[in-house]
Amino acid sequence: MDVQSRELTVTYKIVPPPSTVAPPSLSQETTHRFPITSLPEESKEDTDSELKRYYTSLRESIAEARTKLGKELTAWRDAVGNAELGKERSVKAEVDDEGEEEENAEE
């Protein structure tokens, strides 16, 4: 494996409703970088071992990203509150509507 700089990059842009008052600690556009570091190599010839170390490090970076993003997005959800409730219809309502149309077509 090539030993270039490896990292997991996550970027998001939040467009909250105009009435949202977000805490100053939150940024609407954010990029996070999580390094993927392999453990020190035991032997350059042992590719399986190197891959295991890489994927172990990758899993750790993904877990770190999930934790950080989870905290930030939860803070955004709390800041937005109920302002987004009427924006989307529930999936169940759409399924029920389709079922009624089929019943009406049969009659």
PDB file of N, CA and C in Angstrom:
ATOM      1  N   MET A   1       0.830  -1.188   0.000  1.00  0.00           N
ATOM      2  CA  MET A   1       0.000   0.000   0.000  1.00  0.00           C
ATOM      3  C   MET A   1       0.867   1.242   0.000  1.00  0.00           C
ATOM      4  N   ASP A   2       0.423   2.234  -0.677  1.00  0.00           N
ATOM      5  CA  ASP A   2       1.122   3.507  -0.738  1.00  0.00           C
ATOM      6  C   ASP A   2       0.927   4.262   0.572  1.00  0.00           C
ATOM      7  N   VAL A   3       1.979   4.841   1.097  1.00  0.00           N
ATOM      8  CA  VAL A   3       1.897   5.531   2.383  1.00  0.00           C
ATOM      9  C   VAL A   3       1.753   7.035   2.151  1.00  0.00           C
ATOM     10  N   GLN A   4       0.736   7.430   1.413  1.00  0.00           N
ATOM     11  CA  GLN A   4       0.428   8.841   1.237  1.00  0.00           C
ATOM     12  C   GLN A   4      -0.434   9.276   2.409  1.00  0.00           C
ATOM     13  N   SER A   5      -0.724  10.582   2.459  1.00  0.00           N
ATOM     14  CA  SER A   5      -1.576  11.046   3.533  1.00  0.00           C
ATOM     15  C   SER A   5      -2.978  10.504   3.307  1.00  0.00           C
ATOM     16  N   ARG A   6      -3.466   9.791   4.286  1.00  0.00           N
ATOM     17  CA  ARG A   6      -4.789   9.191   4.197  1.00  0.00           C
ATOM     18  C   ARG A   6      -5.683   9.877   5.208  1.00  0.00           C
ATOM     19  N   GLU A   7      -6.879  10.258   4.751  1.00  0.00           N
ATOM     20  CA  GLU A   7      -7.817  10.868   5.673  1.00  0.00           C
ATOM     21  C   GLU A   7      -9.238  10.693   5.158  1.00  0.00           C
ATOM     22  N   LEU A   8     -10.153  10.725   6.088  1.00  0.00           N
ATOM     23  CA  LEU A   8     -11.569  10.697   5.787  1.00  0.00           C
ATOM     24  C   LEU A   8     -12.032  12.149   5.886  1.00  0.00           C
ATOM     25  N   THR A   9     -12.622  12.679   4.807  1.00  0.00           N
ATOM     26  CA  THR A   9     -13.069  14.058   4.785  1.00  0.00           C
ATOM     27  C   THR A   9     -14.582  14.091   4.698  1.00  0.00           C
ATOM     28  N   VAL A  10     -15.198  14.853   5.606  1.00  0.00           N
ATOM     29  CA  VAL A  10     -16.647  15.002   5.620  1.00  0.00           C
ATOM     30  C   VAL A  10     -16.961  16.487   5.548  1.00  0.00           C
ATOM     31  N   THR A  11     -17.807  16.863   4.575  1.00  0.00           N
ATOM     32  CA  THR A  11     -18.213  18.247   4.407  1.00  0.00           C
ATOM     33  C   THR A  11     -19.728  18.308   4.398  1.00  0.00           C
ATOM     34  N   TYR A  12     -20.283  19.281   5.096  1.00  0.00           N
ATOM     35  CA  TYR A  12     -21.723  19.485   5.015  1.00  0.00           C
ATOM     36  C   TYR A  12     -22.037  20.964   5.051  1.00  0.00           C
ATOM     37  N   LYS A  13     -23.210  21.283   4.489  1.00  0.00           N
ATOM     38  CA  LYS A  13     -23.702  22.661   4.490  1.00  0.00           C
ATOM     39  C   LYS A  13     -25.151  22.608   4.941  1.00  0.00           C
ATOM     40  N   ILE A  14     -25.443  23.310   6.013  1.00  0.00           N
ATOM     41  CA  ILE A  14     -26.781  23.359   6.585  1.00  0.00           C
ATOM     42  C   ILE A  14     -27.450  24.647   6.125  1.00  0.00           C
ATOM     43  N   VAL A  15     -28.692  24.547   5.674  1.00  0.00           N
ATOM     44  CA  VAL A  15     -29.463  25.730   5.308  1.00  0.00           C
ATOM     45  C   VAL A  15     -30.710  25.731   6.195  1.00  0.00           C
ATOM     46  N   PRO A  16     -30.577  26.303   7.383  1.00  0.00           N
ATOM     47  CA  PRO A  16     -31.701  26.290   8.329  1.00  0.00           C
ATOM     48  C   PRO A  16     -32.765  27.320   7.946  1.00  0.00           C
ATOM     49  N   PRO A  17     -33.965  27.179   8.480  1.00  0.00           N
ATOM     50  CA  PRO A  17     -34.989  28.187   8.251  1.00  0.00           C
ATOM     51  C   PRO A  17     -34.503  29.548   8.777  1.00  0.00           C
ATOM     52  N   PRO A  18     -34.980  30.633   8.173  1.00  0.00           N
ATOM     53  CA  PRO A  18     -34.515  31.967   8.592  1.00  0.00           C
ATOM     54  C   PRO A  18     -34.748  32.264  10.068  1.00  0.00           C
ATOM     55  N   SER A  19     -35.742  31.655  10.663  1.00  0.00           N
ATOM     56  CA  SER A  19     -36.050  31.927  12.068  1.00  0.00           C
ATOM     57  C   SER A  19     -35.120  31.221  13.049  1.00  0.00           C
ATOM     58  N   THR A  20     -34.229  30.383  12.546  1.00  0.00           N
ATOM     59  CA  THR A  20     -33.346  29.604  13.409  1.00  0.00           C
ATOM     60  C   THR A  20     -32.287  30.477  14.070  1.00  0.00           C
ATOM     61  N   VAL A  21     -32.166  30.320  15.384  1.00  0.00           N
ATOM     62  CA  VAL A  21     -31.110  31.003  16.128  1.00  0.00           C
ATOM     63  C   VAL A  21     -30.113  29.921  16.546  1.00  0.00           C
ATOM     64  N   ALA A  22     -29.017  29.858  15.816  1.00  0.00           N
ATOM     65  CA  ALA A  22     -28.014  28.821  16.070  1.00  0.00           C
ATOM     66  C   ALA A  22     -26.970  29.334  17.053  1.00  0.00           C
ATOM     67  N   PRO A  23     -26.490  28.458  17.910  1.00  0.00           N
ATOM     68  CA  PRO A  23     -25.408  28.852  18.817  1.00  0.00           C
ATOM     69  C   PRO A  23     -24.164  29.250  18.024  1.00  0.00           C
ATOM     70  N   PRO A  24     -23.373  30.173  18.555  1.00  0.00           N
ATOM     71  CA  PRO A  24     -22.170  30.609  17.827  1.00  0.00           C
ATOM     72  C   PRO A  24     -21.161  29.489  17.586  1.00  0.00           C
ATOM     73  N   SER A  25     -21.245  28.419  18.347  1.00  0.00           N
ATOM     74  CA  SER A  25     -20.301  27.312  18.168  1.00  0.00           C
ATOM     75  C   SER A  25     -20.589  26.497  16.911  1.00  0.00           C
ATOM     76  N   LEU A  26     -21.770  26.689  16.299  1.00  0.00           N
ATOM     77  CA  LEU A  26     -22.134  25.936  15.101  1.00  0.00           C
ATOM     78  C   LEU A  26     -21.884  26.767  13.854  1.00  0.00           C
ATOM     79  N   SER A  27     -21.322  26.120  12.857  1.00  0.00           N
ATOM     80  CA  SER A  27     -21.076  26.765  11.579  1.00  0.00           C
ATOM     81  C   SER A  27     -21.986  26.111  10.539  1.00  0.00           C
ATOM     82  N   GLN A  28     -22.568  26.927   9.652  1.00  0.00           N
ATOM     83  CA  GLN A  28     -23.475  26.374   8.652  1.00  0.00           C
ATOM     84  C   GLN A  28     -22.744  25.530   7.613  1.00  0.00           C
ATOM     85  N   GLU A  29     -21.495  25.835   7.364  1.00  0.00           N
ATOM     86  CA  GLU A  29     -20.707  25.058   6.403  1.00  0.00           C
ATOM     87  C   GLU A  29     -19.446  24.579   7.111  1.00  0.00           C
ATOM     88  N   THR A  30     -19.254  23.280   7.125  1.00  0.00           N
ATOM     89  CA  THR A  30     -18.149  22.703   7.887  1.00  0.00           C
ATOM     90  C   THR A  30     -17.486  21.568   7.125  1.00  0.00           C
ATOM     91  N   THR A  31     -16.183  21.489   7.255  1.00  0.00           N
ATOM     92  CA  THR A  31     -15.416  20.363   6.733  1.00  0.00           C
ATOM     93  C   THR A  31     -14.566  19.810   7.877  1.00  0.00           C
ATOM     94  N   HIS A  32     -14.636  18.524   8.051  1.00  0.00           N
ATOM     95  CA  HIS A  32     -13.821  17.848   9.064  1.00  0.00           C
ATOM     96  C   HIS A  32     -12.910  16.854   8.356  1.00  0.00           C
ATOM     97  N   ARG A  33     -11.728  16.727   8.870  1.00  0.00           N
ATOM     98  CA  ARG A  33     -10.773  15.754   8.348  1.00  0.00           C
ATOM     99  C   ARG A  33     -10.366  14.820   9.489  1.00  0.00           C
ATOM    100  N   PHE A  34     -10.464  13.550   9.213  1.00  0.00           N
ATOM    101  CA  PHE A  34     -10.126  12.529  10.204  1.00  0.00           C
ATOM    102  C   PHE A  34      -9.002  11.675   9.626  1.00  0.00           C
ATOM    103  N   PRO A  35      -7.805  11.757  10.207  1.00  0.00           N
ATOM    104  CA  PRO A  35      -6.674  11.010   9.659  1.00  0.00           C
ATOM    105  C   PRO A  35      -6.869   9.496   9.791  1.00  0.00           C
ATOM    106  N   ILE A  36      -6.401   8.805   8.800  1.00  0.00           N
ATOM    107  CA  ILE A  36      -6.398   7.345   8.824  1.00  0.00           C
ATOM    108  C   ILE A  36      -4.943   6.937   8.963  1.00  0.00           C
ATOM    109  N   THR A  37      -4.583   6.590  10.159  1.00  0.00           N
ATOM    110  CA  THR A  37      -3.182   6.261  10.430  1.00  0.00           C
ATOM    111  C   THR A  37      -3.038   4.765  10.632  1.00  0.00           C
ATOM    112  N   SER A  38      -2.106   4.201   9.946  1.00  0.00           N
ATOM    113  CA  SER A  38      -1.814   2.784  10.137  1.00  0.00           C
ATOM    114  C   SER A  38      -0.879   2.644  11.323  1.00  0.00           C
ATOM    115  N   LEU A  39      -0.938   1.495  11.951  1.00  0.00           N
ATOM    116  CA  LEU A  39      -0.005   1.214  13.037  1.00  0.00           C
ATOM    117  C   LEU A  39       1.375   0.997  12.435  1.00  0.00           C
ATOM    118  N   PRO A  40       2.421   1.098  13.227  1.00  0.00           N
ATOM    119  CA  PRO A  40       3.775   0.884  12.684  1.00  0.00           C
ATOM    120  C   PRO A  40       3.883  -0.475  12.000  1.00  0.00           C
ATOM    121  N   GLU A  41       4.567  -0.470  10.878  1.00  0.00           N
ATOM    122  CA  GLU A  41       4.701  -1.699  10.092  1.00  0.00           C
ATOM    123  C   GLU A  41       5.635  -2.689  10.782  1.00  0.00           C
ATOM    124  N   GLU A  42       5.186  -3.942  10.842  1.00  0.00           N
ATOM    125  CA  GLU A  42       6.028  -4.993  11.386  1.00  0.00           C
ATOM    126  C   GLU A  42       6.947  -5.528  10.296  1.00  0.00           C
ATOM    127  N   SER A  43       6.383  -5.704   9.113  1.00  0.00           N
ATOM    128  CA  SER A  43       7.151  -6.236   7.992  1.00  0.00           C
ATOM    129  C   SER A  43       6.522  -5.739   6.703  1.00  0.00           C
ATOM    130  N   LYS A  44       7.327  -5.260   5.801  1.00  0.00           N
ATOM    131  CA  LYS A  44       6.798  -4.757   4.533  1.00  0.00           C
ATOM    132  C   LYS A  44       6.268  -5.895   3.666  1.00  0.00           C
ATOM    133  N   GLU A  45       6.679  -7.097   3.944  1.00  0.00           N
ATOM    134  CA  GLU A  45       6.247  -8.235   3.133  1.00  0.00           C
ATOM    135  C   GLU A  45       4.883  -8.769   3.554  1.00  0.00           C
ATOM    136  N   ASP A  46       4.419  -8.413   4.730  1.00  0.00           N
ATOM    137  CA  ASP A  46       3.158  -8.941   5.250  1.00  0.00           C
ATOM    138  C   ASP A  46       1.996  -8.020   4.860  1.00  0.00           C
ATOM    139  N   THR A  47       1.503  -8.162   3.645  1.00  0.00           N
ATOM    140  CA  THR A  47       0.446  -7.302   3.113  1.00  0.00           C
ATOM    141  C   THR A  47      -0.863  -7.491   3.871  1.00  0.00           C
ATOM    142  N   ASP A  48      -1.197  -8.722   4.249  1.00  0.00           N
ATOM    143  CA  ASP A  48      -2.437  -8.967   4.994  1.00  0.00           C
ATOM    144  C   ASP A  48      -2.436  -8.195   6.308  1.00  0.00           C
ATOM    145  N   SER A  49      -1.341  -8.224   6.986  1.00  0.00           N
ATOM    146  CA  SER A  49      -1.223  -7.521   8.260  1.00  0.00           C
ATOM    147  C   SER A  49      -1.340  -6.010   8.056  1.00  0.00           C
ATOM    148  N   GLU A  50      -0.730  -5.508   6.995  1.00  0.00           N
ATOM    149  CA  GLU A  50      -0.792  -4.078   6.685  1.00  0.00           C
ATOM    150  C   GLU A  50      -2.236  -3.673   6.377  1.00  0.00           C
ATOM    151  N   LEU A  51      -2.946  -4.506   5.620  1.00  0.00           N
ATOM    152  CA  LEU A  51      -4.347  -4.218   5.307  1.00  0.00           C
ATOM    153  C   LEU A  51      -5.211  -4.231   6.564  1.00  0.00           C
ATOM    154  N   LYS A  52      -4.954  -5.169   7.455  1.00  0.00           N
ATOM    155  CA  LYS A  52      -5.719  -5.235   8.705  1.00  0.00           C
ATOM    156  C   LYS A  52      -5.506  -3.964   9.522  1.00  0.00           C
ATOM    157  N   ARG A  53      -4.265  -3.504   9.598  1.00  0.00           N
ATOM    158  CA  ARG A  53      -3.972  -2.270  10.344  1.00  0.00           C
ATOM    159  C   ARG A  53      -4.675  -1.079   9.699  1.00  0.00           C
ATOM    160  N   TYR A  54      -4.640  -1.035   8.371  1.00  0.00           N
ATOM    161  CA  TYR A  54      -5.285   0.068   7.653  1.00  0.00           C
ATOM    162  C   TYR A  54      -6.787   0.084   7.931  1.00  0.00           C
ATOM    163  N   TYR A  55      -7.452  -1.067   7.806  1.00  0.00           N
ATOM    164  CA  TYR A  55      -8.899  -1.108   8.015  1.00  0.00           C
ATOM    165  C   TYR A  55      -9.279  -0.890   9.472  1.00  0.00           C
ATOM    166  N   THR A  56      -8.428  -1.284  10.391  1.00  0.00           N
ATOM    167  CA  THR A  56      -8.672  -0.979  11.800  1.00  0.00           C
ATOM    168  C   THR A  56      -8.635   0.529  12.011  1.00  0.00           C
ATOM    169  N   SER A  57      -7.655   1.184  11.443  1.00  0.00           N
ATOM    170  CA  SER A  57      -7.538   2.630  11.543  1.00  0.00           C
ATOM    171  C   SER A  57      -8.712   3.321  10.841  1.00  0.00           C
ATOM    172  N   LEU A  58      -9.112   2.793   9.695  1.00  0.00           N
ATOM    173  CA  LEU A  58     -10.244   3.358   8.966  1.00  0.00           C
ATOM    174  C   LEU A  58     -11.517   3.281   9.803  1.00  0.00           C
ATOM    175  N   ARG A  59     -11.754   2.135  10.437  1.00  0.00           N
ATOM    176  CA  ARG A  59     -12.936   1.990  11.299  1.00  0.00           C
ATOM    177  C   ARG A  59     -12.904   2.989  12.445  1.00  0.00           C
ATOM    178  N   GLU A  60     -11.730   3.205  13.021  1.00  0.00           N
ATOM    179  CA  GLU A  60     -11.602   4.174  14.117  1.00  0.00           C
ATOM    180  C   GLU A  60     -11.901   5.589  13.630  1.00  0.00           C
ATOM    181  N   SER A  61     -11.441   5.937  12.434  1.00  0.00           N
ATOM    182  CA  SER A  61     -11.702   7.263  11.866  1.00  0.00           C
ATOM    183  C   SER A  61     -13.188   7.449  11.570  1.00  0.00           C
ATOM    184  N   ILE A  62     -13.822   6.412  11.060  1.00  0.00           N
ATOM    185  CA  ILE A  62     -15.258   6.477  10.778  1.00  0.00           C
ATOM    186  C   ILE A  62     -16.044   6.651  12.082  1.00  0.00           C
ATOM    187  N   ALA A  63     -15.650   5.925  13.117  1.00  0.00           N
ATOM    188  CA  ALA A  63     -16.332   6.047  14.407  1.00  0.00           C
ATOM    189  C   ALA A  63     -16.172   7.461  14.969  1.00  0.00           C
ATOM    190  N   GLU A  64     -14.978   8.014  14.843  1.00  0.00           N
ATOM    191  CA  GLU A  64     -14.727   9.382  15.307  1.00  0.00           C
ATOM    192  C   GLU A  64     -15.578  10.377  14.513  1.00  0.00           C
ATOM    193  N   ALA A  65     -15.676  10.181  13.210  1.00  0.00           N
ATOM    194  CA  ALA A  65     -16.483  11.063  12.359  1.00  0.00           C
ATOM    195  C   ALA A  65     -17.962  10.963  12.736  1.00  0.00           C
ATOM    196  N   ARG A  66     -18.457   9.767  12.949  1.00  0.00           N
ATOM    197  CA  ARG A  66     -19.863   9.589  13.338  1.00  0.00           C
ATOM    198  C   ARG A  66     -20.160  10.289  14.650  1.00  0.00           C
ATOM    199  N   THR A  67     -19.266  10.180  15.596  1.00  0.00           N
ATOM    200  CA  THR A  67     -19.475  10.818  16.899  1.00  0.00           C
ATOM    201  C   THR A  67     -19.509  12.333  16.761  1.00  0.00           C
ATOM    202  N   LYS A  68     -18.532  12.889  16.078  1.00  0.00           N
ATOM    203  CA  LYS A  68     -18.446  14.350  15.925  1.00  0.00           C
ATOM    204  C   LYS A  68     -19.631  14.891  15.143  1.00  0.00           C
ATOM    205  N   LEU A  69     -19.943  14.262  13.999  1.00  0.00           N
ATOM    206  CA  LEU A  69     -21.067  14.721  13.194  1.00  0.00           C
ATOM    207  C   LEU A  69     -22.389  14.532  13.927  1.00  0.00           C
ATOM    208  N   GLY A  70     -22.514  13.453  14.655  1.00  0.00           N
ATOM    209  CA  GLY A  70     -23.732  13.210  15.428  1.00  0.00           C
ATOM    210  C   GLY A  70     -23.986  14.321  16.429  1.00  0.00           C
ATOM    211  N   LYS A  71     -22.942  14.736  17.136  1.00  0.00           N
ATOM    212  CA  LYS A  71     -23.090  15.824  18.105  1.00  0.00           C
ATOM    213  C   LYS A  71     -23.462  17.136  17.421  1.00  0.00           C
ATOM    214  N   GLU A  72     -22.780  17.451  16.320  1.00  0.00           N
ATOM    215  CA  GLU A  72     -23.049  18.713  15.623  1.00  0.00           C
ATOM    216  C   GLU A  72     -24.444  18.732  15.006  1.00  0.00           C
ATOM    217  N   LEU A  73     -24.824  17.649  14.344  1.00  0.00           N
ATOM    218  CA  LEU A  73     -26.132  17.622  13.692  1.00  0.00           C
ATOM    219  C   LEU A  73     -27.270  17.575  14.709  1.00  0.00           C
ATOM    220  N   THR A  74     -27.041  16.961  15.851  1.00  0.00           N
ATOM    221  CA  THR A  74     -28.041  16.987  16.917  1.00  0.00           C
ATOM    222  C   THR A  74     -28.209  18.413  17.435  1.00  0.00           C
ATOM    223  N   ALA A  75     -27.102  19.137  17.578  1.00  0.00           N
ATOM    224  CA  ALA A  75     -27.179  20.541  18.012  1.00  0.00           C
ATOM    225  C   ALA A  75     -27.958  21.370  16.995  1.00  0.00           C
ATOM    226  N   TRP A  76     -27.744  21.110  15.700  1.00  0.00           N
ATOM    227  CA  TRP A  76     -28.502  21.809  14.663  1.00  0.00           C
ATOM    228  C   TRP A  76     -29.979  21.444  14.740  1.00  0.00           C
ATOM    229  N   ARG A  77     -30.280  20.186  14.942  1.00  0.00           N
ATOM    230  CA  ARG A  77     -31.678  19.758  15.055  1.00  0.00           C
ATOM    231  C   ARG A  77     -32.354  20.468  16.214  1.00  0.00           C
ATOM    232  N   ASP A  78     -31.650  20.558  17.333  1.00  0.00           N
ATOM    233  CA  ASP A  78     -32.204  21.243  18.495  1.00  0.00           C
ATOM    234  C   ASP A  78     -32.398  22.735  18.225  1.00  0.00           C
ATOM    235  N   ALA A  79     -31.465  23.339  17.478  1.00  0.00           N
ATOM    236  CA  ALA A  79     -31.565  24.771  17.166  1.00  0.00           C
ATOM    237  C   ALA A  79     -32.735  25.049  16.212  1.00  0.00           C
ATOM    238  N   VAL A  80     -32.953  24.163  15.252  1.00  0.00           N
ATOM    239  CA  VAL A  80     -34.044  24.349  14.302  1.00  0.00           C
ATOM    240  C   VAL A  80     -35.386  24.101  14.984  1.00  0.00           C
ATOM    241  N   GLY A  81     -35.413  23.137  15.890  1.00  0.00           N
ATOM    242  CA  GLY A  81     -36.649  22.854  16.617  1.00  0.00           C
ATOM    243  C   GLY A  81     -37.745  22.346  15.701  1.00  0.00           C
ATOM    244  N   ASN A  82     -38.938  22.912  15.855  1.00  0.00           N
ATOM    245  CA  ASN A  82     -40.112  22.456  15.094  1.00  0.00           C
ATOM    246  C   ASN A  82     -40.307  23.213  13.784  1.00  0.00           C
ATOM    247  N   ALA A  83     -39.376  24.074  13.408  1.00  0.00           N
ATOM    248  CA  ALA A  83     -39.537  24.911  12.217  1.00  0.00           C
ATOM    249  C   ALA A  83     -39.634  24.106  10.927  1.00  0.00           C
ATOM    250  N   GLU A  84     -39.138  22.874  10.911  1.00  0.00           N
ATOM    251  CA  GLU A  84     -39.132  22.070   9.694  1.00  0.00           C
ATOM    252  C   GLU A  84     -40.252  21.027   9.666  1.00  0.00           C
ATOM    253  N   LEU A  85     -41.104  21.004  10.680  1.00  0.00           N
ATOM    254  CA  LEU A  85     -42.095  19.923  10.780  1.00  0.00           C
ATOM    255  C   LEU A  85     -43.035  19.833   9.583  1.00  0.00           C
ATOM    256  N   GLY A  86     -43.548  20.917   9.091  1.00  0.00           N
ATOM    257  CA  GLY A  86     -44.522  20.869   8.012  1.00  0.00           C
ATOM    258  C   GLY A  86     -43.918  20.787   6.625  1.00  0.00           C
ATOM    259  N   LYS A  87     -42.611  20.700   6.533  1.00  0.00           N
ATOM    260  CA  LYS A  87     -41.935  20.747   5.245  1.00  0.00           C
ATOM    261  C   LYS A  87     -42.084  19.466   4.423  1.00  0.00           C
ATOM    262  N   GLU A  88     -42.105  18.318   5.077  1.00  0.00           N
ATOM    263  CA  GLU A  88     -42.160  17.051   4.357  1.00  0.00           C
ATOM    264  C   GLU A  88     -43.363  16.239   4.811  1.00  0.00           C
ATOM    265  N   ARG A  89     -43.985  15.568   3.857  1.00  0.00           N
ATOM    266  CA  ARG A  89     -45.066  14.651   4.199  1.00  0.00           C
ATOM    267  C   ARG A  89     -44.470  13.342   4.671  1.00  0.00           C
ATOM    268  N   SER A  90     -45.178  12.662   5.509  1.00  0.00           N
ATOM    269  CA  SER A  90     -44.667  11.379   5.971  1.00  0.00           C
ATOM    270  C   SER A  90     -44.810  10.339   4.869  1.00  0.00           C
ATOM    271  N   VAL A  91     -43.956   9.368   4.869  1.00  0.00           N
ATOM    272  CA  VAL A  91     -43.968   8.310   3.856  1.00  0.00           C
ATOM    273  C   VAL A  91     -45.244   7.503   3.976  1.00  0.00           C
ATOM    274  N   LYS A  92     -45.712   7.268   5.188  1.00  0.00           N
ATOM    275  CA  LYS A  92     -46.915   6.469   5.393  1.00  0.00           C
ATOM    276  C   LYS A  92     -48.118   7.130   4.719  1.00  0.00           C
ATOM    277  N   ALA A  93     -48.228   8.440   4.815  1.00  0.00           N
ATOM    278  CA  ALA A  93     -49.344   9.143   4.182  1.00  0.00           C
ATOM    279  C   ALA A  93     -49.318   8.947   2.671  1.00  0.00           C
ATOM    280  N   GLU A  94     -48.145   8.967   2.077  1.00  0.00           N
ATOM    281  CA  GLU A  94     -48.040   8.761   0.635  1.00  0.00           C
ATOM    282  C   GLU A  94     -48.469   7.351   0.250  1.00  0.00           C
ATOM    283  N   VAL A  95     -48.108   6.367   1.027  1.00  0.00           N
ATOM    284  CA  VAL A  95     -48.483   4.983   0.746  1.00  0.00           C
ATOM    285  C   VAL A  95     -49.992   4.843   0.860  1.00  0.00           C
ATOM    286  N   ASP A  96     -50.602   5.444   1.888  1.00  0.00           N
ATOM    287  CA  ASP A  96     -52.046   5.377   2.053  1.00  0.00           C
ATOM    288  C   ASP A  96     -52.761   6.031   0.876  1.00  0.00           C
ATOM    289  N   ASP A  97     -52.249   7.172   0.420  1.00  0.00           N
ATOM    290  CA  ASP A  97     -52.861   7.861  -0.716  1.00  0.00           C
ATOM    291  C   ASP A  97     -52.824   6.998  -1.969  1.00  0.00           C
ATOM    292  N   GLU A  98     -51.733   6.318  -2.217  1.00  0.00           N
ATOM    293  CA  GLU A  98     -51.612   5.459  -3.391  1.00  0.00           C
ATOM    294  C   GLU A  98     -52.602   4.299  -3.308  1.00  0.00           C
ATOM    295  N   GLY A  99     -52.782   3.742  -2.124  1.00  0.00           N
ATOM    296  CA  GLY A  99     -53.727   2.646  -1.928  1.00  0.00           C
ATOM    297  C   GLY A  99     -55.150   3.079  -2.212  1.00  0.00           C
ATOM    298  N   GLU A 100     -55.518   4.286  -1.809  1.00  0.00           N
ATOM    299  CA  GLU A 100     -56.867   4.799  -2.061  1.00  0.00           C
ATOM    300  C   GLU A 100     -57.096   5.005  -3.545  1.00  0.00           C
ATOM    301  N   GLU A 101     -56.089   5.488  -4.265  1.00  0.00           N
ATOM    302  CA  GLU A 101     -56.233   5.695  -5.699  1.00  0.00           C
ATOM    303  C   GLU A 101     -56.490   4.377  -6.416  1.00  0.00           C
ATOM    304  N   GLU A 102     -55.798   3.322  -6.015  1.00  0.00           N
ATOM    305  CA  GLU A 102     -55.980   2.016  -6.643  1.00  0.00           C
ATOM    306  C   GLU A 102     -57.382   1.494  -6.373  1.00  0.00           C
ATOM    307  N   GLU A 103     -57.897   1.688  -5.153  1.00  0.00           N
ATOM    308  CA  GLU A 103     -59.226   1.227  -4.804  1.00  0.00           C
ATOM    309  C   GLU A 103     -60.270   1.972  -5.633  1.00  0.00           C
ATOM    310  N   ASN A 104     -60.088   3.281  -5.816  1.00  0.00           N
ATOM    311  CA  ASN A 104     -61.031   4.067  -6.577  1.00  0.00           C
ATOM    312  C   ASN A 104     -61.012   3.668  -8.059  1.00  0.00           C
ATOM    313  N   ALA A 105     -59.873   3.273  -8.574  1.00  0.00           N
ATOM    314  CA  ALA A 105     -59.756   2.886  -9.978  1.00  0.00           C
ATOM    315  C   ALA A 105     -60.472   1.573 -10.249  1.00  0.00           C
ATOM    316  N   GLU A 106     -60.538   0.674  -9.251  1.00  0.00           N
ATOM    317  CA  GLU A 106     -61.185  -0.622  -9.407  1.00  0.00           C
ATOM    318  C   GLU A 106     -62.687  -0.485  -9.483  1.00  0.00           C
ATOM    319  N   GLU A 107     -63.255   0.521  -8.856  1.00  0.00           N
ATOM    320  CA  GLU A 107     -64.714   0.671  -8.783  1.00  0.00           C
ATOM    321  C   GLU A 107     -65.314   1.141 -10.049  1.00  0.00           C
TER     322      GLU A 107
END
